[in-house]
């Protein structure tokens, strides 16, 4: 891959990552709930799914997904239902004593382990078939078919994940900064329901996509 091609892809990665989506909402919700850096475990799961999606495209499975209405619909509606489940959980979240939770965190007694947060982030990204179809349409535009494909896909994977981790770091960290101002039950209730609405919005958008 030439330097000019990589720079064009690098710029595209920033545009793609900064555009608000389910991953950004999940990162902000995690940062708001757990603070930073604990909430950043969610981002690791997002990147694991992103890496798998790129590997799927590189292996040619993305073409099958793009061609099969049934396969696309199954993954899409799983994603919609999962985002709605996250919205329901967020809506039902009760106000907590932030200072007590901070002490609990320092004592290593968090309810959700890093592994659980990673898995939740993974589900958010992997359950969006549009992402695979999107990458199937975009990534080959930066590929030089005269050269070996896997090294080029590998470089794009590293670039895309690095950029997305930086962007999601910003989303998580920004949300965590707001955490210190949400001490009253009413403020926390409004925050939880606001994020529930954002998850519903992401689910609604996902439900409208098609293979084309």
N, C-alpha and C. Protein backbone atom coordinates (compact mmCIF):
# COMPACT_ATOMS: atom_id res chain seq x y z
N UNK A 1 0.84 -1.20 0.00
CA UNK A 1 0.00 0.00 0.00
C UNK A 1 0.88 1.25 0.00
N UNK A 2 0.62 2.15 -0.93
CA UNK A 2 1.44 3.35 -1.01
C UNK A 2 1.10 4.30 0.14
N UNK A 3 2.00 5.25 0.40
CA UNK A 3 1.78 6.22 1.47
C UNK A 3 0.54 7.07 1.19
N UNK A 4 0.36 7.46 -0.07
CA UNK A 4 -0.80 8.28 -0.42
C UNK A 4 -2.11 7.53 -0.16
N UNK A 5 -2.13 6.24 -0.50
CA UNK A 5 -3.33 5.45 -0.27
C UNK A 5 -3.60 5.29 1.22
N UNK A 6 -2.53 5.04 1.98
CA UNK A 6 -2.69 4.87 3.42
C UNK A 6 -3.19 6.16 4.07
N UNK A 7 -2.68 7.30 3.66
CA UNK A 7 -3.11 8.57 4.23
C UNK A 7 -4.60 8.82 3.94
N UNK A 8 -5.04 8.45 2.73
CA UNK A 8 -6.46 8.59 2.40
C UNK A 8 -7.30 7.69 3.29
N UNK A 9 -6.84 6.44 3.50
CA UNK A 9 -7.56 5.52 4.37
C UNK A 9 -7.54 6.02 5.81
N UNK A 10 -6.42 6.56 6.25
CA UNK A 10 -6.27 7.10 7.61
C UNK A 10 -7.29 8.20 7.84
N UNK A 11 -7.45 9.09 6.87
CA UNK A 11 -8.43 10.16 6.99
C UNK A 11 -9.85 9.61 7.03
N UNK A 12 -10.11 8.60 6.21
CA UNK A 12 -11.44 7.99 6.19
C UNK A 12 -11.76 7.34 7.54
N UNK A 13 -10.76 6.74 8.17
CA UNK A 13 -10.97 6.10 9.47
C UNK A 13 -11.44 7.09 10.53
N UNK A 14 -10.86 8.29 10.51
CA UNK A 14 -11.27 9.31 11.48
C UNK A 14 -12.72 9.72 11.26
N UNK A 15 -13.11 9.88 10.01
CA UNK A 15 -14.49 10.27 9.71
C UNK A 15 -15.45 9.17 10.15
N UNK A 16 -15.09 7.92 9.86
CA UNK A 16 -15.95 6.80 10.22
C UNK A 16 -16.09 6.67 11.74
N UNK A 17 -14.96 6.80 12.46
CA UNK A 17 -14.97 6.59 13.92
C UNK A 17 -15.68 7.71 14.67
N UNK A 18 -15.47 8.95 14.21
CA UNK A 18 -16.06 10.09 14.91
C UNK A 18 -17.57 10.14 14.72
N UNK A 19 -18.05 9.64 13.59
CA UNK A 19 -19.50 9.64 13.35
C UNK A 19 -20.20 8.86 14.46
N UNK A 20 -21.14 9.50 15.18
CA UNK A 20 -21.80 8.83 16.30
C UNK A 20 -22.54 7.57 15.85
N UNK A 21 -22.41 6.52 16.64
CA UNK A 21 -23.09 5.26 16.36
C UNK A 21 -23.28 4.49 17.65
N UNK A 22 -23.67 3.23 17.52
CA UNK A 22 -23.91 2.40 18.71
C UNK A 22 -22.64 2.26 19.55
N UNK A 23 -21.48 2.14 18.90
CA UNK A 23 -20.22 2.02 19.64
C UNK A 23 -19.93 3.24 20.47
N UNK A 24 -20.18 4.43 19.91
CA UNK A 24 -19.95 5.67 20.65
C UNK A 24 -20.90 5.77 21.84
N UNK A 25 -22.16 5.39 21.63
CA UNK A 25 -23.13 5.42 22.72
C UNK A 25 -22.72 4.46 23.83
N UNK A 26 -22.29 3.25 23.44
CA UNK A 26 -21.87 2.25 24.44
C UNK A 26 -20.64 2.74 25.21
N UNK A 27 -19.71 3.41 24.51
CA UNK A 27 -18.51 3.93 25.17
C UNK A 27 -18.86 5.02 26.16
N UNK A 28 -19.76 5.91 25.78
CA UNK A 28 -20.17 6.98 26.70
C UNK A 28 -20.92 6.42 27.89
N UNK A 29 -21.80 5.46 27.64
CA UNK A 29 -22.56 4.86 28.74
C UNK A 29 -21.62 4.15 29.72
N UNK A 30 -20.63 3.46 29.20
CA UNK A 30 -19.66 2.76 30.05
C UNK A 30 -18.82 3.75 30.85
N UNK A 31 -18.37 4.82 30.18
CA UNK A 31 -17.59 5.83 30.88
C UNK A 31 -18.40 6.52 31.95
N UNK A 32 -19.67 6.79 31.66
CA UNK A 32 -20.54 7.46 32.61
C UNK A 32 -20.81 6.57 33.83
N UNK A 33 -20.96 5.27 33.59
CA UNK A 33 -21.32 4.35 34.68
C UNK A 33 -20.12 3.95 35.52
N UNK A 34 -18.97 3.71 34.87
CA UNK A 34 -17.83 3.17 35.59
C UNK A 34 -16.66 4.13 35.73
N UNK A 35 -16.72 5.26 35.00
CA UNK A 35 -15.59 6.16 35.03
C UNK A 35 -14.50 5.68 34.09
N UNK A 36 -13.42 6.43 34.08
CA UNK A 36 -12.28 6.09 33.22
C UNK A 36 -11.09 5.85 34.13
N UNK A 37 -10.28 4.79 33.98
CA UNK A 37 -10.18 3.93 32.79
C UNK A 37 -11.00 2.63 32.83
N UNK A 38 -11.70 2.36 33.97
CA UNK A 38 -12.41 1.07 34.06
C UNK A 38 -13.42 0.91 32.93
N UNK A 39 -14.12 1.98 32.60
CA UNK A 39 -15.11 1.91 31.54
C UNK A 39 -14.53 1.66 30.17
N UNK A 40 -13.20 1.84 30.06
CA UNK A 40 -12.55 1.67 28.75
C UNK A 40 -12.48 0.21 28.33
N UNK A 41 -12.72 -0.72 29.26
CA UNK A 41 -12.74 -2.14 28.88
C UNK A 41 -13.78 -2.40 27.80
N UNK A 42 -14.86 -1.65 27.83
CA UNK A 42 -15.90 -1.79 26.81
C UNK A 42 -15.33 -1.55 25.41
N UNK A 43 -14.42 -0.60 25.30
CA UNK A 43 -13.81 -0.26 24.00
C UNK A 43 -12.98 -1.42 23.47
N UNK A 44 -12.34 -2.17 24.37
CA UNK A 44 -11.55 -3.33 23.93
C UNK A 44 -12.46 -4.33 23.22
N UNK A 45 -13.66 -4.52 23.75
CA UNK A 45 -14.62 -5.41 23.10
C UNK A 45 -15.05 -4.88 21.74
N UNK A 46 -15.26 -3.57 21.64
CA UNK A 46 -15.62 -2.98 20.36
C UNK A 46 -14.54 -3.25 19.31
N UNK A 47 -13.28 -3.14 19.73
CA UNK A 47 -12.17 -3.33 18.78
C UNK A 47 -12.00 -4.80 18.40
N UNK A 48 -12.27 -5.70 19.34
CA UNK A 48 -12.20 -7.13 19.02
C UNK A 48 -13.21 -7.47 17.93
N UNK A 49 -14.41 -6.89 18.04
CA UNK A 49 -15.43 -7.13 17.02
C UNK A 49 -15.03 -6.49 15.69
N UNK A 50 -14.43 -5.30 15.76
CA UNK A 50 -13.98 -4.62 14.54
C UNK A 50 -12.92 -5.44 13.82
N UNK A 51 -11.99 -6.00 14.59
CA UNK A 51 -10.95 -6.84 14.00
C UNK A 51 -11.56 -8.07 13.33
N UNK A 52 -12.54 -8.68 14.00
CA UNK A 52 -13.19 -9.86 13.43
C UNK A 52 -13.95 -9.51 12.16
N UNK A 53 -14.60 -8.34 12.14
CA UNK A 53 -15.33 -7.91 10.95
C UNK A 53 -14.38 -7.72 9.77
N UNK A 54 -13.21 -7.15 10.02
CA UNK A 54 -12.24 -6.96 8.94
C UNK A 54 -11.74 -8.31 8.43
N UNK A 55 -11.51 -9.24 9.35
CA UNK A 55 -11.07 -10.58 8.95
C UNK A 55 -12.15 -11.28 8.13
N UNK A 56 -13.42 -11.05 8.50
CA UNK A 56 -14.53 -11.64 7.74
C UNK A 56 -14.53 -11.10 6.31
N UNK A 57 -14.34 -9.80 6.18
CA UNK A 57 -14.29 -9.20 4.85
C UNK A 57 -13.10 -9.73 4.07
N UNK A 58 -11.94 -9.81 4.73
CA UNK A 58 -10.73 -10.30 4.06
C UNK A 58 -10.89 -11.74 3.61
N UNK A 59 -11.66 -12.53 4.37
CA UNK A 59 -11.86 -13.93 4.01
C UNK A 59 -12.94 -14.12 2.95
N UNK A 60 -13.62 -13.05 2.60
CA UNK A 60 -14.65 -13.13 1.56
C UNK A 60 -16.02 -13.46 2.07
N UNK A 61 -16.16 -13.66 3.41
CA UNK A 61 -17.47 -14.00 3.96
C UNK A 61 -18.42 -12.81 3.85
N UNK A 62 -17.84 -11.61 3.85
CA UNK A 62 -18.67 -10.41 3.73
C UNK A 62 -19.47 -10.41 2.45
N UNK A 63 -18.92 -10.99 1.40
CA UNK A 63 -19.65 -11.06 0.12
C UNK A 63 -20.88 -11.94 0.26
N UNK A 64 -20.76 -13.02 1.04
CA UNK A 64 -21.91 -13.91 1.28
C UNK A 64 -22.99 -13.16 2.05
N UNK A 65 -22.56 -12.41 3.08
CA UNK A 65 -23.51 -11.65 3.89
C UNK A 65 -24.21 -10.60 3.05
N UNK A 66 -23.46 -9.97 2.14
CA UNK A 66 -24.04 -8.94 1.29
C UNK A 66 -25.04 -9.54 0.30
N UNK A 67 -24.83 -10.80 -0.07
CA UNK A 67 -25.69 -11.43 -1.06
C UNK A 67 -26.90 -12.13 -0.45
N UNK A 68 -26.82 -12.48 0.83
CA UNK A 68 -27.89 -13.25 1.47
C UNK A 68 -28.79 -12.35 2.30
N UNK A 69 -30.01 -12.20 1.87
CA UNK A 69 -30.98 -11.39 2.60
C UNK A 69 -31.26 -11.99 3.98
N UNK A 70 -31.34 -13.32 4.05
CA UNK A 70 -31.65 -13.99 5.31
C UNK A 70 -30.54 -13.80 6.33
N UNK A 71 -29.29 -14.05 5.91
CA UNK A 71 -28.16 -13.90 6.83
C UNK A 71 -28.06 -12.47 7.34
N UNK A 72 -28.24 -11.53 6.43
CA UNK A 72 -28.18 -10.12 6.82
C UNK A 72 -29.27 -9.80 7.83
N UNK A 73 -30.49 -10.26 7.56
CA UNK A 73 -31.63 -9.95 8.43
C UNK A 73 -31.46 -10.56 9.82
N UNK A 74 -30.95 -11.80 9.89
CA UNK A 74 -30.76 -12.46 11.19
C UNK A 74 -29.81 -11.65 12.07
N UNK A 75 -28.66 -11.26 11.50
CA UNK A 75 -27.67 -10.52 12.28
C UNK A 75 -28.20 -9.12 12.62
N UNK A 76 -28.87 -8.50 11.65
CA UNK A 76 -29.39 -7.15 11.88
C UNK A 76 -30.38 -7.13 13.04
N UNK A 77 -31.34 -8.06 13.03
CA UNK A 77 -32.38 -8.02 14.06
C UNK A 77 -31.86 -8.48 15.41
N UNK A 78 -30.82 -9.31 15.40
CA UNK A 78 -30.15 -9.62 16.67
C UNK A 78 -29.56 -8.33 17.25
N UNK A 79 -28.92 -7.53 16.39
CA UNK A 79 -28.35 -6.27 16.83
C UNK A 79 -29.41 -5.31 17.35
N UNK A 80 -30.53 -5.23 16.66
CA UNK A 80 -31.63 -4.35 17.09
C UNK A 80 -32.12 -4.76 18.47
N UNK A 81 -32.35 -6.05 18.66
CA UNK A 81 -32.86 -6.54 19.94
C UNK A 81 -31.84 -6.32 21.06
N UNK A 82 -30.57 -6.50 20.75
CA UNK A 82 -29.55 -6.30 21.79
C UNK A 82 -29.48 -4.83 22.20
N UNK A 83 -29.54 -3.92 21.24
CA UNK A 83 -29.52 -2.50 21.57
C UNK A 83 -30.75 -2.11 22.39
N UNK A 84 -31.90 -2.69 22.07
CA UNK A 84 -33.11 -2.43 22.84
C UNK A 84 -32.98 -2.99 24.26
N UNK A 85 -32.31 -4.14 24.38
CA UNK A 85 -32.06 -4.71 25.71
C UNK A 85 -31.17 -3.78 26.53
N UNK A 86 -30.13 -3.21 25.89
CA UNK A 86 -29.27 -2.25 26.59
C UNK A 86 -30.07 -1.02 27.01
N UNK A 87 -30.99 -0.57 26.14
CA UNK A 87 -31.84 0.58 26.47
C UNK A 87 -32.71 0.27 27.69
N UNK A 88 -33.28 -0.94 27.70
CA UNK A 88 -34.12 -1.36 28.82
C UNK A 88 -33.32 -1.40 30.12
N UNK A 89 -32.10 -1.94 30.06
CA UNK A 89 -31.24 -1.98 31.24
C UNK A 89 -30.92 -0.58 31.73
N UNK A 90 -30.59 0.31 30.79
CA UNK A 90 -30.23 1.67 31.15
C UNK A 90 -31.42 2.41 31.76
N UNK A 91 -32.61 2.18 31.20
CA UNK A 91 -33.83 2.83 31.71
C UNK A 91 -34.12 2.39 33.14
N UNK A 92 -33.87 1.11 33.43
CA UNK A 92 -34.16 0.56 34.75
C UNK A 92 -33.08 0.83 35.77
N UNK A 93 -31.94 1.36 35.33
CA UNK A 93 -30.85 1.62 36.27
C UNK A 93 -31.31 2.59 37.35
N UNK A 94 -30.98 2.24 38.59
CA UNK A 94 -31.40 3.08 39.71
C UNK A 94 -30.27 4.00 40.11
N UNK A 95 -30.63 5.10 40.75
CA UNK A 95 -29.62 6.04 41.23
C UNK A 95 -28.77 5.37 42.30
N UNK A 96 -27.48 5.71 42.32
CA UNK A 96 -26.56 5.10 43.28
C UNK A 96 -25.77 6.18 43.99
N UNK A 97 -25.17 5.80 45.10
CA UNK A 97 -24.27 6.68 45.84
C UNK A 97 -22.92 6.65 45.14
N UNK A 98 -22.57 7.71 44.44
CA UNK A 98 -21.35 7.74 43.65
C UNK A 98 -20.10 7.55 44.51
N UNK A 99 -20.08 8.17 45.68
CA UNK A 99 -18.91 8.06 46.54
C UNK A 99 -18.75 6.63 47.05
N UNK A 100 -19.88 5.99 47.40
CA UNK A 100 -19.83 4.60 47.86
C UNK A 100 -19.35 3.69 46.74
N UNK A 101 -19.81 3.96 45.52
CA UNK A 101 -19.40 3.14 44.38
C UNK A 101 -17.91 3.31 44.11
N UNK A 102 -17.41 4.51 44.32
CA UNK A 102 -15.97 4.73 44.12
C UNK A 102 -15.16 3.91 45.12
N UNK A 103 -15.63 3.89 46.39
CA UNK A 103 -14.94 3.09 47.40
C UNK A 103 -15.04 1.61 47.07
N UNK A 104 -16.20 1.20 46.57
CA UNK A 104 -16.40 -0.21 46.19
C UNK A 104 -15.46 -0.58 45.06
N UNK A 105 -15.30 0.34 44.10
CA UNK A 105 -14.41 0.09 42.98
C UNK A 105 -12.97 -0.07 43.46
N UNK A 106 -12.55 0.79 44.38
CA UNK A 106 -11.19 0.72 44.91
C UNK A 106 -10.96 -0.59 45.64
N UNK A 107 -12.03 -1.15 46.22
CA UNK A 107 -11.91 -2.42 46.92
C UNK A 107 -12.03 -3.62 46.00
N UNK A 108 -12.17 -3.38 44.72
CA UNK A 108 -12.22 -4.48 43.75
C UNK A 108 -13.53 -5.25 43.78
N UNK A 109 -14.64 -4.58 44.11
CA UNK A 109 -15.92 -5.29 44.24
C UNK A 109 -16.93 -4.90 43.17
N UNK A 110 -16.46 -4.48 42.05
CA UNK A 110 -17.37 -4.13 40.97
C UNK A 110 -18.21 -5.34 40.56
N UNK A 111 -19.46 -5.10 40.24
CA UNK A 111 -20.35 -6.20 39.86
C UNK A 111 -19.96 -6.81 38.53
N UNK A 112 -19.60 -5.95 37.57
CA UNK A 112 -19.27 -6.46 36.25
C UNK A 112 -17.76 -6.47 36.06
N UNK A 113 -17.25 -7.63 35.68
CA UNK A 113 -15.81 -7.78 35.50
C UNK A 113 -15.38 -7.17 34.18
N UNK A 114 -14.08 -6.93 33.99
CA UNK A 114 -13.60 -6.45 32.69
C UNK A 114 -14.01 -7.37 31.55
N UNK A 115 -14.03 -8.69 31.81
CA UNK A 115 -14.41 -9.64 30.77
C UNK A 115 -15.85 -9.42 30.31
N UNK A 116 -16.73 -9.10 31.27
CA UNK A 116 -18.13 -8.85 30.93
C UNK A 116 -18.25 -7.57 30.09
N UNK A 117 -17.52 -6.52 30.47
CA UNK A 117 -17.56 -5.27 29.72
C UNK A 117 -17.00 -5.47 28.30
N UNK A 118 -15.94 -6.26 28.19
CA UNK A 118 -15.38 -6.55 26.86
C UNK A 118 -16.40 -7.28 26.01
N UNK A 119 -17.08 -8.26 26.59
CA UNK A 119 -18.06 -9.03 25.84
C UNK A 119 -19.24 -8.17 25.41
N UNK A 120 -19.67 -7.26 26.28
CA UNK A 120 -20.77 -6.36 25.93
C UNK A 120 -20.38 -5.46 24.75
N UNK A 121 -19.16 -4.92 24.80
CA UNK A 121 -18.70 -4.10 23.70
C UNK A 121 -18.60 -4.90 22.41
N UNK A 122 -18.13 -6.13 22.53
CA UNK A 122 -18.03 -7.01 21.36
C UNK A 122 -19.40 -7.22 20.71
N UNK A 123 -20.42 -7.48 21.53
CA UNK A 123 -21.76 -7.71 21.00
C UNK A 123 -22.32 -6.49 20.29
N UNK A 124 -22.02 -5.29 20.82
CA UNK A 124 -22.53 -4.07 20.19
C UNK A 124 -22.03 -3.95 18.76
N UNK A 125 -20.74 -4.18 18.54
CA UNK A 125 -20.18 -4.01 17.20
C UNK A 125 -20.44 -5.20 16.27
N UNK A 126 -20.35 -6.40 16.80
CA UNK A 126 -20.45 -7.58 15.93
C UNK A 126 -21.87 -7.79 15.45
N UNK A 127 -22.85 -7.22 16.14
CA UNK A 127 -24.24 -7.44 15.77
C UNK A 127 -24.75 -6.41 14.76
N UNK A 128 -23.83 -5.70 14.13
CA UNK A 128 -24.21 -4.73 13.10
C UNK A 128 -23.72 -5.23 11.74
N UNK A 129 -24.57 -5.92 10.98
CA UNK A 129 -24.13 -6.46 9.69
C UNK A 129 -23.81 -5.36 8.69
N UNK A 130 -24.41 -4.19 8.88
CA UNK A 130 -24.14 -3.08 7.96
C UNK A 130 -22.66 -2.71 8.00
N UNK A 131 -22.03 -2.88 9.18
CA UNK A 131 -20.61 -2.56 9.30
C UNK A 131 -19.78 -3.46 8.40
N UNK A 132 -20.15 -4.75 8.35
CA UNK A 132 -19.40 -5.68 7.51
C UNK A 132 -19.62 -5.35 6.03
N UNK A 133 -20.87 -5.09 5.66
CA UNK A 133 -21.17 -4.75 4.27
C UNK A 133 -20.51 -3.43 3.90
N UNK A 134 -20.51 -2.49 4.85
CA UNK A 134 -19.88 -1.20 4.62
C UNK A 134 -18.38 -1.37 4.36
N UNK A 135 -17.74 -2.18 5.21
CA UNK A 135 -16.30 -2.41 5.02
C UNK A 135 -16.03 -3.19 3.75
N UNK A 136 -16.97 -4.08 3.39
CA UNK A 136 -16.81 -4.83 2.14
C UNK A 136 -16.81 -3.87 0.94
N UNK A 137 -17.56 -2.79 1.06
CA UNK A 137 -17.63 -1.81 -0.02
C UNK A 137 -16.46 -0.82 0.02
N UNK A 138 -15.97 -0.52 1.23
CA UNK A 138 -14.96 0.53 1.39
C UNK A 138 -13.53 0.00 1.33
N UNK A 139 -13.23 -1.03 2.09
CA UNK A 139 -11.85 -1.50 2.21
C UNK A 139 -11.21 -1.86 0.87
N UNK A 140 -11.92 -2.56 -0.02
CA UNK A 140 -11.28 -2.92 -1.29
C UNK A 140 -10.88 -1.72 -2.14
N UNK A 141 -11.48 -0.56 -1.87
CA UNK A 141 -11.12 0.63 -2.64
C UNK A 141 -9.68 1.06 -2.38
N UNK A 142 -9.13 0.63 -1.24
CA UNK A 142 -7.77 1.01 -0.87
C UNK A 142 -6.77 -0.13 -1.09
N UNK A 143 -7.26 -1.23 -1.65
CA UNK A 143 -6.42 -2.40 -1.87
C UNK A 143 -5.79 -2.35 -3.26
N UNK A 144 -4.51 -2.71 -3.31
CA UNK A 144 -3.82 -2.86 -4.60
C UNK A 144 -3.82 -4.35 -4.93
N UNK A 145 -4.64 -4.79 -5.90
CA UNK A 145 -4.75 -6.22 -6.19
C UNK A 145 -3.47 -6.84 -6.74
N UNK A 146 -2.53 -6.00 -7.15
CA UNK A 146 -1.26 -6.52 -7.68
C UNK A 146 -0.34 -6.99 -6.56
N UNK A 147 -0.61 -6.57 -5.33
CA UNK A 147 0.21 -6.96 -4.19
C UNK A 147 -0.53 -7.97 -3.32
N UNK A 148 0.17 -8.58 -2.37
CA UNK A 148 -0.46 -9.54 -1.47
C UNK A 148 -1.55 -8.84 -0.66
N UNK A 149 -2.69 -9.52 -0.54
CA UNK A 149 -3.85 -8.89 0.08
C UNK A 149 -3.77 -8.85 1.61
N UNK A 150 -3.36 -9.95 2.24
CA UNK A 150 -3.42 -10.03 3.70
C UNK A 150 -2.58 -8.96 4.39
N UNK A 151 -1.33 -8.67 3.92
CA UNK A 151 -0.58 -7.58 4.56
C UNK A 151 -1.30 -6.25 4.46
N UNK A 152 -1.99 -6.02 3.34
CA UNK A 152 -2.72 -4.76 3.18
C UNK A 152 -3.92 -4.71 4.12
N UNK A 153 -4.65 -5.82 4.22
CA UNK A 153 -5.77 -5.86 5.17
C UNK A 153 -5.26 -5.74 6.61
N UNK A 154 -4.11 -6.33 6.88
CA UNK A 154 -3.54 -6.23 8.22
C UNK A 154 -3.19 -4.80 8.58
N UNK A 155 -2.61 -4.07 7.64
CA UNK A 155 -2.28 -2.66 7.88
C UNK A 155 -3.53 -1.84 8.10
N UNK A 156 -4.57 -2.11 7.31
CA UNK A 156 -5.82 -1.37 7.48
C UNK A 156 -6.48 -1.70 8.81
N UNK A 157 -6.38 -2.97 9.24
CA UNK A 157 -6.94 -3.34 10.52
C UNK A 157 -6.26 -2.58 11.66
N UNK A 158 -4.93 -2.56 11.65
CA UNK A 158 -4.18 -1.86 12.70
C UNK A 158 -4.53 -0.37 12.69
N UNK A 159 -4.60 0.22 11.51
CA UNK A 159 -4.91 1.65 11.39
C UNK A 159 -6.30 1.95 11.91
N UNK A 160 -7.26 1.17 11.48
CA UNK A 160 -8.66 1.42 11.85
C UNK A 160 -8.87 1.24 13.35
N UNK A 161 -8.28 0.21 13.92
CA UNK A 161 -8.44 -0.04 15.36
C UNK A 161 -7.75 1.04 16.17
N UNK A 162 -6.55 1.46 15.75
CA UNK A 162 -5.82 2.50 16.48
C UNK A 162 -6.62 3.80 16.51
N UNK A 163 -7.16 4.18 15.36
CA UNK A 163 -7.95 5.42 15.29
C UNK A 163 -9.20 5.30 16.14
N UNK A 164 -9.90 4.16 16.03
CA UNK A 164 -11.14 3.99 16.77
C UNK A 164 -10.90 3.96 18.27
N UNK A 165 -9.79 3.40 18.72
CA UNK A 165 -9.48 3.38 20.14
C UNK A 165 -9.25 4.79 20.67
N UNK A 166 -8.62 5.63 19.85
CA UNK A 166 -8.40 7.02 20.26
C UNK A 166 -9.72 7.77 20.35
N UNK A 167 -10.57 7.58 19.34
CA UNK A 167 -11.87 8.27 19.32
C UNK A 167 -12.74 7.80 20.49
N UNK A 168 -12.80 6.47 20.71
CA UNK A 168 -13.61 5.95 21.80
C UNK A 168 -13.03 6.31 23.17
N UNK A 169 -11.71 6.50 23.23
CA UNK A 169 -11.09 7.00 24.46
C UNK A 169 -11.67 8.38 24.77
N UNK A 170 -11.81 9.20 23.72
CA UNK A 170 -12.39 10.52 23.92
C UNK A 170 -13.83 10.45 24.39
N UNK A 171 -14.63 9.58 23.76
CA UNK A 171 -16.03 9.44 24.17
C UNK A 171 -16.13 8.95 25.61
N UNK A 172 -15.32 7.93 25.95
CA UNK A 172 -15.38 7.37 27.30
C UNK A 172 -14.90 8.37 28.33
N UNK A 173 -13.77 9.02 28.03
CA UNK A 173 -13.20 9.98 28.98
C UNK A 173 -14.09 11.18 29.18
N UNK A 174 -14.69 11.67 28.11
CA UNK A 174 -15.59 12.83 28.22
C UNK A 174 -16.79 12.50 29.09
N UNK A 175 -17.35 11.31 28.88
CA UNK A 175 -18.50 10.90 29.69
C UNK A 175 -18.10 10.72 31.14
N UNK A 176 -16.90 10.19 31.38
CA UNK A 176 -16.44 9.99 32.76
C UNK A 176 -16.26 11.32 33.48
N UNK A 177 -15.85 12.36 32.76
CA UNK A 177 -15.69 13.69 33.36
C UNK A 177 -17.02 14.22 33.88
N UNK A 178 -18.09 13.89 33.17
CA UNK A 178 -19.41 14.36 33.58
C UNK A 178 -19.89 13.63 34.83
N UNK A 179 -19.31 12.43 35.09
CA UNK A 179 -19.74 11.58 36.19
C UNK A 179 -19.73 12.32 37.53
N UNK A 180 -18.72 13.14 37.74
CA UNK A 180 -18.56 13.81 39.04
C UNK A 180 -19.70 14.79 39.35
N UNK A 181 -20.42 15.22 38.31
CA UNK A 181 -21.50 16.18 38.52
C UNK A 181 -22.86 15.52 38.68
N UNK A 182 -22.90 14.20 38.59
CA UNK A 182 -24.18 13.49 38.67
C UNK A 182 -24.34 12.81 40.02
N UNK A 183 -24.51 13.59 41.06
CA UNK A 183 -24.58 13.02 42.40
C UNK A 183 -26.02 12.87 42.90
N UNK A 184 -26.94 13.66 42.39
CA UNK A 184 -28.32 13.55 42.86
C UNK A 184 -29.05 12.45 42.11
N UNK A 185 -30.00 11.77 42.78
CA UNK A 185 -30.77 10.71 42.11
C UNK A 185 -31.49 11.22 40.86
N UNK A 186 -31.99 12.44 40.91
CA UNK A 186 -32.72 12.98 39.75
C UNK A 186 -31.78 13.13 38.55
N UNK A 187 -30.57 13.64 38.78
CA UNK A 187 -29.61 13.80 37.69
C UNK A 187 -29.24 12.45 37.08
N UNK A 188 -29.03 11.46 37.96
CA UNK A 188 -28.65 10.13 37.47
C UNK A 188 -29.80 9.49 36.70
N UNK A 189 -31.02 9.72 37.16
CA UNK A 189 -32.19 9.16 36.47
C UNK A 189 -32.32 9.76 35.08
N UNK A 190 -32.13 11.07 34.96
CA UNK A 190 -32.20 11.72 33.66
C UNK A 190 -31.09 11.22 32.74
N UNK A 191 -29.89 11.03 33.31
CA UNK A 191 -28.77 10.53 32.51
C UNK A 191 -29.05 9.12 32.00
N UNK A 192 -29.53 8.25 32.89
CA UNK A 192 -29.81 6.87 32.49
C UNK A 192 -30.88 6.81 31.40
N UNK A 193 -31.90 7.62 31.53
CA UNK A 193 -32.98 7.60 30.54
C UNK A 193 -32.54 8.28 29.24
N UNK A 194 -31.63 9.24 29.36
CA UNK A 194 -31.09 9.84 28.14
C UNK A 194 -30.32 8.83 27.32
N UNK A 195 -29.49 8.02 27.99
CA UNK A 195 -28.74 6.99 27.28
C UNK A 195 -29.66 5.88 26.78
N UNK A 196 -30.72 5.59 27.53
CA UNK A 196 -31.69 4.61 27.05
C UNK A 196 -32.29 5.08 25.73
N UNK A 197 -32.62 6.37 25.66
CA UNK A 197 -33.15 6.92 24.43
C UNK A 197 -32.16 6.85 23.29
N UNK A 198 -30.87 7.06 23.59
CA UNK A 198 -29.84 6.99 22.56
C UNK A 198 -29.70 5.56 22.03
N UNK A 199 -29.77 4.57 22.92
CA UNK A 199 -29.71 3.18 22.47
C UNK A 199 -30.93 2.83 21.61
N UNK A 200 -32.09 3.34 21.99
CA UNK A 200 -33.29 3.11 21.17
C UNK A 200 -33.10 3.75 19.80
N UNK A 201 -32.52 4.95 19.78
CA UNK A 201 -32.26 5.62 18.51
C UNK A 201 -31.32 4.82 17.64
N UNK A 202 -30.25 4.27 18.25
CA UNK A 202 -29.31 3.45 17.49
C UNK A 202 -29.99 2.20 16.96
N UNK A 203 -30.86 1.60 17.78
CA UNK A 203 -31.60 0.40 17.33
C UNK A 203 -32.54 0.74 16.18
N UNK A 204 -33.18 1.90 16.27
CA UNK A 204 -34.10 2.32 15.21
C UNK A 204 -33.35 2.51 13.89
N UNK A 205 -32.19 3.17 13.97
CA UNK A 205 -31.38 3.37 12.77
C UNK A 205 -30.94 2.03 12.16
N UNK A 206 -30.51 1.11 13.04
CA UNK A 206 -30.06 -0.19 12.55
C UNK A 206 -31.21 -0.95 11.89
N UNK A 207 -32.42 -0.79 12.40
CA UNK A 207 -33.56 -1.52 11.84
C UNK A 207 -33.93 -1.05 10.45
N UNK A 208 -33.48 0.14 10.08
CA UNK A 208 -33.84 0.69 8.77
C UNK A 208 -32.85 0.35 7.67
N UNK A 209 -31.67 -0.21 8.04
CA UNK A 209 -30.67 -0.45 7.02
C UNK A 209 -31.01 -1.69 6.21
N UNK A 210 -30.50 -1.74 4.99
CA UNK A 210 -30.63 -2.93 4.16
C UNK A 210 -29.31 -3.21 3.49
N UNK A 211 -29.23 -4.26 2.71
CA UNK A 211 -27.96 -4.67 2.11
C UNK A 211 -27.45 -3.65 1.11
N UNK A 212 -28.29 -2.75 0.63
CA UNK A 212 -27.91 -1.79 -0.39
C UNK A 212 -27.80 -0.38 0.19
